[in-house]
Amino acid sequence: MPQHLAHPGSRDLRSQAVHRLQVGMFGLAAMLLLVSLASVIMQRIQTVDRSAIASTPAASASALPANDPLADIGVAPEVPVDGNAAAHKQGKPVSAH
């Protein structure tokens, strides 16, 4: 026997509308929460990056001598920090041939 579908009553229509509204509001709240969380994370990353850049030795390297352990023990030649190679230039290397 064929089943006839009955039209939903006003009570059913209202409960469906309330359910859709609840789902929509939950979705908006979830998106707001995700965007807020992403914003907080990005602000923290920028703050950490700024503090890391300010505390690096490269920011104050021009005032301090180079810290090269190989040059300290005499294995490698010293390289000037400020890039002024003319002041520290040694004589031309002599070929052993």
N, C-alpha and C. Protein backbone atom coordinates (compact mmCIF):
# COMPACT_ATOMS: atom_id res chain seq x y z
N MET A 1 0.80 -1.16 0.00
CA MET A 1 0.00 0.00 0.00
C MET A 1 0.87 1.26 0.00
N PRO A 2 0.48 2.21 -0.76
CA PRO A 2 1.27 3.45 -0.79
C PRO A 2 1.05 4.25 0.48
N GLN A 3 2.15 4.83 0.95
CA GLN A 3 2.09 5.65 2.15
C GLN A 3 1.95 7.10 1.75
N HIS A 4 1.04 7.81 2.31
CA HIS A 4 0.87 9.22 2.01
C HIS A 4 1.61 10.04 3.06
N LEU A 5 2.36 10.99 2.55
CA LEU A 5 3.08 11.86 3.47
C LEU A 5 2.16 12.98 3.94
N ALA A 6 2.13 13.16 5.21
CA ALA A 6 1.29 14.23 5.77
C ALA A 6 2.11 15.51 5.83
N HIS A 7 1.50 16.62 5.63
CA HIS A 7 2.19 17.90 5.73
C HIS A 7 2.52 18.17 7.19
N PRO A 8 3.73 18.67 7.44
CA PRO A 8 4.09 18.93 8.84
C PRO A 8 3.24 20.07 9.41
N GLY A 9 2.94 19.93 10.65
CA GLY A 9 2.13 20.94 11.33
C GLY A 9 2.96 22.15 11.72
N SER A 10 2.34 23.15 12.25
CA SER A 10 3.04 24.38 12.63
C SER A 10 4.04 24.12 13.75
N ARG A 11 3.73 23.16 14.61
CA ARG A 11 4.65 22.81 15.70
C ARG A 11 5.93 22.19 15.14
N ASP A 12 5.81 21.31 14.15
CA ASP A 12 6.98 20.69 13.51
C ASP A 12 7.81 21.72 12.76
N LEU A 13 7.15 22.62 12.06
CA LEU A 13 7.86 23.67 11.32
C LEU A 13 8.64 24.58 12.27
N ARG A 14 8.02 24.89 13.41
CA ARG A 14 8.68 25.75 14.38
C ARG A 14 9.90 25.05 14.99
N SER A 15 9.77 23.77 15.31
CA SER A 15 10.91 23.05 15.90
C SER A 15 12.05 22.91 14.90
N GLN A 16 11.72 22.73 13.59
CA GLN A 16 12.76 22.67 12.57
C GLN A 16 13.47 24.03 12.44
N ALA A 17 12.71 25.10 12.49
CA ALA A 17 13.30 26.45 12.39
C ALA A 17 14.20 26.73 13.58
N VAL A 18 13.76 26.34 14.78
CA VAL A 18 14.58 26.54 15.97
C VAL A 18 15.85 25.70 15.88
N HIS A 19 15.74 24.48 15.38
CA HIS A 19 16.91 23.62 15.23
C HIS A 19 17.91 24.23 14.24
N ARG A 20 17.42 24.73 13.11
CA ARG A 20 18.30 25.37 12.12
C ARG A 20 18.98 26.60 12.72
N LEU A 21 18.23 27.38 13.49
CA LEU A 21 18.79 28.57 14.13
C LEU A 21 19.87 28.18 15.13
N GLN A 22 19.65 27.14 15.89
CA GLN A 22 20.65 26.68 16.86
C GLN A 22 21.92 26.22 16.17
N VAL A 23 21.76 25.47 15.09
CA VAL A 23 22.92 24.98 14.35
C VAL A 23 23.70 26.16 13.75
N GLY A 24 22.98 27.13 13.19
CA GLY A 24 23.63 28.30 12.61
C GLY A 24 24.38 29.12 13.65
N MET A 25 23.76 29.33 14.80
CA MET A 25 24.41 30.09 15.87
C MET A 25 25.63 29.35 16.40
N PHE A 26 25.53 28.03 16.51
CA PHE A 26 26.69 27.25 16.95
C PHE A 26 27.82 27.36 15.94
N GLY A 27 27.50 27.33 14.65
CA GLY A 27 28.52 27.46 13.61
C GLY A 27 29.19 28.82 13.65
N LEU A 28 28.41 29.89 13.82
CA LEU A 28 28.99 31.23 13.92
C LEU A 28 29.89 31.36 15.15
N ALA A 29 29.45 30.80 16.28
CA ALA A 29 30.26 30.85 17.49
C ALA A 29 31.56 30.08 17.32
N ALA A 30 31.49 28.93 16.65
CA ALA A 30 32.69 28.14 16.42
C ALA A 30 33.68 28.90 15.52
N MET A 31 33.18 29.56 14.47
CA MET A 31 34.05 30.33 13.58
C MET A 31 34.67 31.51 14.31
N LEU A 32 33.89 32.18 15.15
CA LEU A 32 34.41 33.30 15.93
C LEU A 32 35.51 32.82 16.88
N LEU A 33 35.30 31.67 17.49
CA LEU A 33 36.30 31.11 18.39
C LEU A 33 37.58 30.76 17.64
N LEU A 34 37.46 30.16 16.47
CA LEU A 34 38.64 29.80 15.68
C LEU A 34 39.41 31.03 15.22
N VAL A 35 38.71 32.05 14.75
CA VAL A 35 39.38 33.27 14.30
C VAL A 35 40.06 33.96 15.48
N SER A 36 39.42 34.00 16.63
CA SER A 36 40.02 34.61 17.82
C SER A 36 41.26 33.84 18.25
N LEU A 37 41.19 32.54 18.23
CA LEU A 37 42.34 31.72 18.60
C LEU A 37 43.50 31.93 17.64
N ALA A 38 43.22 31.98 16.35
CA ALA A 38 44.27 32.23 15.36
C ALA A 38 44.89 33.61 15.56
N SER A 39 44.09 34.60 15.89
CA SER A 39 44.60 35.95 16.13
C SER A 39 45.52 35.98 17.34
N VAL A 40 45.13 35.31 18.41
CA VAL A 40 45.98 35.26 19.60
C VAL A 40 47.29 34.56 19.30
N ILE A 41 47.24 33.47 18.56
CA ILE A 41 48.47 32.74 18.21
C ILE A 41 49.39 33.61 17.36
N MET A 42 48.84 34.32 16.39
CA MET A 42 49.66 35.18 15.53
C MET A 42 50.28 36.32 16.33
N GLN A 43 49.56 36.90 17.27
CA GLN A 43 50.12 37.95 18.10
C GLN A 43 51.24 37.43 18.98
N ARG A 44 51.08 36.25 19.51
CA ARG A 44 52.14 35.66 20.34
C ARG A 44 53.39 35.38 19.51
N ILE A 45 53.19 34.89 18.29
CA ILE A 45 54.34 34.61 17.42
C ILE A 45 55.08 35.89 17.09
N GLN A 46 54.36 36.96 16.79
CA GLN A 46 55.01 38.23 16.48
C GLN A 46 55.74 38.78 17.69
N THR A 47 55.17 38.63 18.87
CA THR A 47 55.83 39.09 20.08
C THR A 47 57.11 38.31 20.33
N VAL A 48 57.06 37.01 20.16
CA VAL A 48 58.24 36.17 20.36
C VAL A 48 59.30 36.50 19.31
N ASP A 49 58.89 36.73 18.06
CA ASP A 49 59.84 37.08 17.02
C ASP A 49 60.53 38.40 17.33
N ARG A 50 59.76 39.40 17.78
CA ARG A 50 60.35 40.69 18.11
C ARG A 50 61.34 40.57 19.26
N SER A 51 61.00 39.80 20.28
CA SER A 51 61.90 39.66 21.42
C SER A 51 63.13 38.83 21.04
N ALA A 52 62.96 37.87 20.14
CA ALA A 52 64.10 37.07 19.71
C ALA A 52 65.06 37.91 18.88
N ILE A 53 64.53 38.79 18.04
CA ILE A 53 65.37 39.64 17.22
C ILE A 53 66.11 40.64 18.10
N ALA A 54 65.46 41.18 19.10
CA ALA A 54 66.08 42.16 19.98
C ALA A 54 67.16 41.53 20.85
N SER A 55 67.05 40.26 21.16
CA SER A 55 68.01 39.62 22.05
C SER A 55 69.11 38.85 21.33
N THR A 56 69.13 38.88 20.01
CA THR A 56 70.17 38.15 19.29
C THR A 56 71.50 38.88 19.38
N PRO A 57 72.57 38.14 19.40
CA PRO A 57 73.88 38.78 19.44
C PRO A 57 74.19 39.54 18.16
N ALA A 58 73.53 39.23 17.07
CA ALA A 58 73.79 39.94 15.82
C ALA A 58 73.35 41.39 15.91
N ALA A 59 72.38 41.70 16.75
CA ALA A 59 71.93 43.08 16.90
C ALA A 59 73.00 43.95 17.54
N SER A 60 73.83 43.37 18.39
CA SER A 60 74.91 44.13 19.03
C SER A 60 76.28 43.59 18.63
N ALA A 61 76.40 42.97 17.48
CA ALA A 61 77.66 42.36 17.06
C ALA A 61 78.70 43.40 16.72
N SER A 62 78.32 44.58 16.28
CA SER A 62 79.31 45.58 15.92
C SER A 62 80.06 46.09 17.14
N ALA A 63 79.45 46.04 18.32
CA ALA A 63 80.10 46.51 19.53
C ALA A 63 80.98 45.44 20.16
N LEU A 64 80.72 44.19 19.87
CA LEU A 64 81.46 43.09 20.48
C LEU A 64 82.42 42.47 19.47
N PRO A 65 83.54 41.94 19.94
CA PRO A 65 84.45 41.24 19.02
C PRO A 65 83.82 39.93 18.55
N ALA A 66 84.32 39.41 17.46
CA ALA A 66 83.78 38.17 16.90
C ALA A 66 84.04 37.02 17.87
N ASN A 67 83.08 36.13 17.98
CA ASN A 67 83.21 34.97 18.85
C ASN A 67 83.32 33.76 17.95
N ASP A 68 84.51 33.47 17.52
CA ASP A 68 84.75 32.36 16.61
C ASP A 68 85.69 31.38 17.30
N PRO A 69 85.19 30.25 17.75
CA PRO A 69 86.04 29.31 18.49
C PRO A 69 87.21 28.78 17.66
N LEU A 70 87.00 28.59 16.37
CA LEU A 70 88.10 28.09 15.54
C LEU A 70 89.21 29.12 15.42
N ALA A 71 88.87 30.38 15.33
CA ALA A 71 89.88 31.43 15.28
C ALA A 71 90.58 31.57 16.63
N ASP A 72 89.85 31.35 17.72
CA ASP A 72 90.44 31.44 19.04
C ASP A 72 91.54 30.41 19.26
N ILE A 73 91.37 29.20 18.73
CA ILE A 73 92.39 28.17 18.93
C ILE A 73 93.41 28.16 17.80
N GLY A 74 93.24 29.04 16.79
CA GLY A 74 94.24 29.19 15.74
C GLY A 74 94.05 28.26 14.56
N VAL A 75 92.91 27.61 14.42
CA VAL A 75 92.67 26.70 13.31
C VAL A 75 92.24 27.45 12.06
N ALA A 76 91.45 28.50 12.22
CA ALA A 76 90.94 29.28 11.09
C ALA A 76 91.36 30.73 11.26
N PRO A 77 91.53 31.46 10.15
CA PRO A 77 91.89 32.87 10.27
C PRO A 77 90.73 33.69 10.82
N GLU A 78 91.08 34.82 11.45
CA GLU A 78 90.04 35.71 11.97
C GLU A 78 89.41 36.48 10.84
N VAL A 79 88.11 36.58 10.87
CA VAL A 79 87.36 37.36 9.89
C VAL A 79 86.78 38.56 10.61
N PRO A 80 87.00 39.78 10.10
CA PRO A 80 86.47 40.95 10.80
C PRO A 80 84.95 40.96 10.78
N VAL A 81 84.35 41.44 11.87
CA VAL A 81 82.91 41.46 12.00
C VAL A 81 82.29 42.55 11.16
N ASP A 82 82.93 43.73 11.12
CA ASP A 82 82.34 44.88 10.44
C ASP A 82 82.55 44.85 8.93
N GLY A 83 83.24 43.89 8.41
CA GLY A 83 83.42 43.76 6.96
C GLY A 83 84.57 44.62 6.44
N ASN A 84 85.34 45.24 7.31
CA ASN A 84 86.45 46.08 6.90
C ASN A 84 87.68 45.20 6.71
N ALA A 85 87.77 44.56 5.57
CA ALA A 85 88.85 43.62 5.30
C ALA A 85 90.16 44.33 5.00
N ALA A 86 90.14 45.56 4.54
CA ALA A 86 91.37 46.28 4.18
C ALA A 86 92.20 46.55 5.42
N ALA A 87 91.60 46.83 6.55
CA ALA A 87 92.34 47.13 7.76
C ALA A 87 93.00 45.88 8.33
N HIS A 88 92.44 44.71 8.08
CA HIS A 88 92.96 43.46 8.63
C HIS A 88 93.63 42.60 7.57
N LYS A 89 93.86 43.14 6.42
CA LYS A 89 94.40 42.34 5.33
C LYS A 89 95.84 41.95 5.61
N GLN A 90 96.13 40.70 5.45
CA GLN A 90 97.49 40.22 5.62
C GLN A 90 98.16 40.16 4.27
N GLY A 91 99.40 39.86 4.24
CA GLY A 91 100.15 39.82 2.98
C GLY A 91 99.62 38.77 2.02
N LYS A 92 100.00 38.90 0.76
CA LYS A 92 99.56 37.96 -0.28
C LYS A 92 100.17 36.59 0.00
N PRO A 93 99.36 35.53 -0.06
CA PRO A 93 99.89 34.20 0.20
C PRO A 93 100.90 33.81 -0.89
N VAL A 94 101.96 33.17 -0.44
CA VAL A 94 103.01 32.73 -1.36
C VAL A 94 102.76 31.31 -1.75
N SER A 95 102.86 31.02 -3.03
CA SER A 95 102.64 29.67 -3.52
C SER A 95 103.84 28.80 -3.19
N ALA A 96 103.57 27.57 -2.83
CA ALA A 96 104.66 26.65 -2.46
C ALA A 96 105.27 25.98 -3.68
N HIS A 97 104.76 26.23 -4.89
CA HIS A 97 105.28 25.55 -6.07
C HIS A 97 106.45 26.22 -6.64
